[in-house]
C-alpha atoms as a PDB file:
ATOM      1  CA  MET A   1      11.321 -11.443 -22.547  1.00  0.00           C
ATOM      2  CA  GLN A   2       8.309 -13.088 -24.075  1.00  0.00           C
ATOM      3  CA  SER A   3       5.641 -10.761 -25.388  1.00  0.00           C
ATOM      4  CA  ASN A   4       2.956 -12.514 -23.307  1.00  0.00           C
ATOM      5  CA  VAL A   5       4.714 -11.901 -19.955  1.00  0.00           C
ATOM      6  CA  SER A   6       4.103  -8.772 -17.885  1.00  0.00           C
ATOM      7  CA  SER A   7       7.070  -7.278 -16.075  1.00  0.00           C
ATOM      8  CA  TRP A   8       7.824  -4.032 -14.286  1.00  0.00           C
ATOM      9  CA  GLY A   9      10.429  -2.374 -12.133  1.00  0.00           C
ATOM     10  CA  GLY A  10      14.129  -3.066 -12.094  1.00  0.00           C
ATOM     11  CA  GLY A  11      17.537  -1.568 -12.135  1.00  0.00           C
ATOM     12  CA  PRO A  12      20.010  -0.324 -12.104  1.00  0.00           C
ATOM     13  CA  PRO A  13      21.967  -3.062 -13.882  1.00  0.00           C
ATOM     14  CA  VAL A  14      25.039  -4.341 -12.018  1.00  0.00           C
ATOM     15  CA  TYR A  15      28.207  -5.654 -13.654  1.00  0.00           C
ATOM     16  CA  ASP A  16      29.042  -9.284 -12.760  1.00  0.00           C
ATOM     17  CA  ALA A  17      32.815  -9.491 -13.295  1.00  0.00           C
ATOM     18  CA  ALA A  18      32.920 -13.270 -12.758  1.00  0.00           C
ATOM     19  CA  ASN A  19      30.553 -13.905 -15.683  1.00  0.00           C
ATOM     20  CA  LYS A  20      31.486 -10.730 -17.606  1.00  0.00           C
ATOM     21  CA  GLU A  21      27.892  -9.627 -18.064  1.00  0.00           C
ATOM     22  CA  TRP A  22      25.420  -7.067 -16.778  1.00  0.00           C
ATOM     23  CA  VAL A  23      22.682  -8.365 -14.480  1.00  0.00           C
ATOM     24  CA  LEU A  24      19.284  -6.734 -14.014  1.00  0.00           C
ATOM     25  CA  PHE A  25      16.601  -7.942 -11.611  1.00  0.00           C
ATOM     26  CA  VAL A  26      13.001  -7.246 -12.675  1.00  0.00           C
ATOM     27  CA  THR A  27       9.575  -8.110 -11.361  1.00  0.00           C
ATOM     28  CA  GLU A  28       7.672 -10.598 -13.499  1.00  0.00           C
ATOM     29  CA  ILE A  29       4.005 -11.504 -13.125  1.00  0.00           C
ATOM     30  CA  LYS A  30       3.548 -15.300 -13.021  1.00  0.00           C
ATOM     31  CA  HIS A  31       1.145 -17.385 -15.122  1.00  0.00           C
ATOM     32  CA  HIS A  32       1.025 -14.814 -17.959  1.00  0.00           C
ATOM     33  CA  CYS A  33      -1.230 -12.580 -15.851  1.00  0.00           C
ATOM     34  CA  GLY A  34      -1.431  -8.840 -16.286  1.00  0.00           C
ATOM     35  CA  LEU A  35      -0.172  -6.106 -13.996  1.00  0.00           C
ATOM     36  CA  ASP A  36      -3.479  -6.144 -12.113  1.00  0.00           C
ATOM     37  CA  GLN A  37      -2.237  -9.340 -10.392  1.00  0.00           C
ATOM     38  CA  TRP A  38       1.083  -7.905  -9.165  1.00  0.00           C
ATOM     39  CA  GLN A  39       0.200  -8.081  -5.453  1.00  0.00           C
ATOM     40  CA  HIS A  40      -0.130 -11.867  -5.448  1.00  0.00           C
ATOM     41  CA  LEU A  41       1.808 -13.153  -8.445  1.00  0.00           C
ATOM     42  CA  SER A  42       4.983 -11.039  -8.554  1.00  0.00           C
ATOM     43  CA  SER A  43       8.295 -12.878  -8.751  1.00  0.00           C
ATOM     44  CA  VAL A  44      11.819 -11.529  -9.159  1.00  0.00           C
ATOM     45  CA  VAL A  45      13.696 -12.617 -12.274  1.00  0.00           C
ATOM     46  CA  ALA A  46      17.411 -12.256 -13.020  1.00  0.00           C
ATOM     47  CA  THR A  47      18.229 -11.141 -16.555  1.00  0.00           C
ATOM     48  CA  ALA A  48      21.620 -10.620 -18.192  1.00  0.00           C
ATOM     49  CA  ALA A  49      23.169  -8.718 -21.091  1.00  0.00           C
ATOM     50  CA  ALA A  50      26.562  -7.909 -22.590  1.00  0.00           C
ATOM     51  CA  SER A  51      25.879  -4.178 -22.204  1.00  0.00           C
ATOM     52  CA  PRO A  52      24.177  -2.144 -19.439  1.00  0.00           C
ATOM     53  CA  THR A  53      21.629  -0.978 -22.004  1.00  0.00           C
ATOM     54  CA  GLY A  54      20.661  -4.531 -23.050  1.00  0.00           C
ATOM     55  CA  PRO A  55      19.024  -6.311 -24.595  1.00  0.00           C
ATOM     56  CA  PHE A  56      18.553  -8.413 -21.466  1.00  0.00           C
ATOM     57  CA  VAL A  57      17.776 -12.140 -21.576  1.00  0.00           C
ATOM     58  CA  ARG A  58      15.822 -13.924 -18.850  1.00  0.00           C
ATOM     59  CA  ARG A  59      18.147 -16.246 -16.879  1.00  0.00           C
ATOM     60  CA  ARG A  60      16.327 -17.538 -13.795  1.00  0.00           C
ATOM     61  CA  VAL A  61      13.734 -16.868 -11.126  1.00  0.00           C
ATOM     62  CA  ALA A  62      15.536 -15.359  -8.137  1.00  0.00           C
ATOM     63  CA  VAL A  63      12.523 -15.044  -5.803  1.00  0.00           C
ATOM     64  CA  GLU A  64       9.301 -17.007  -6.312  1.00  0.00           C
ATOM     65  CA  ALA A  65       5.878 -15.334  -6.158  1.00  0.00           C
ATOM     66  CA  GLN A  66       4.185 -15.315  -2.774  1.00  0.00           C
ATOM     67  CA  GLY A  67       0.745 -16.374  -3.928  1.00  0.00           C
ATOM     68  CA  THR A  68       1.266 -18.923  -6.698  1.00  0.00           C
END
């Protein structure tokens, strides 16, 4: 993930046999805001890795933030 993006929560990683990778869903705070904005700007992001311990790469937004 980018160093200027706040994220929290997630796991456990789940193996996706079709794509042969580990998937982890994490909460990401939109618009480069800090964790103090989690109530309004939290979105769920799918990440993936070759191993359950990572490193994970951001793939897509799975659930948009409620208050963007």
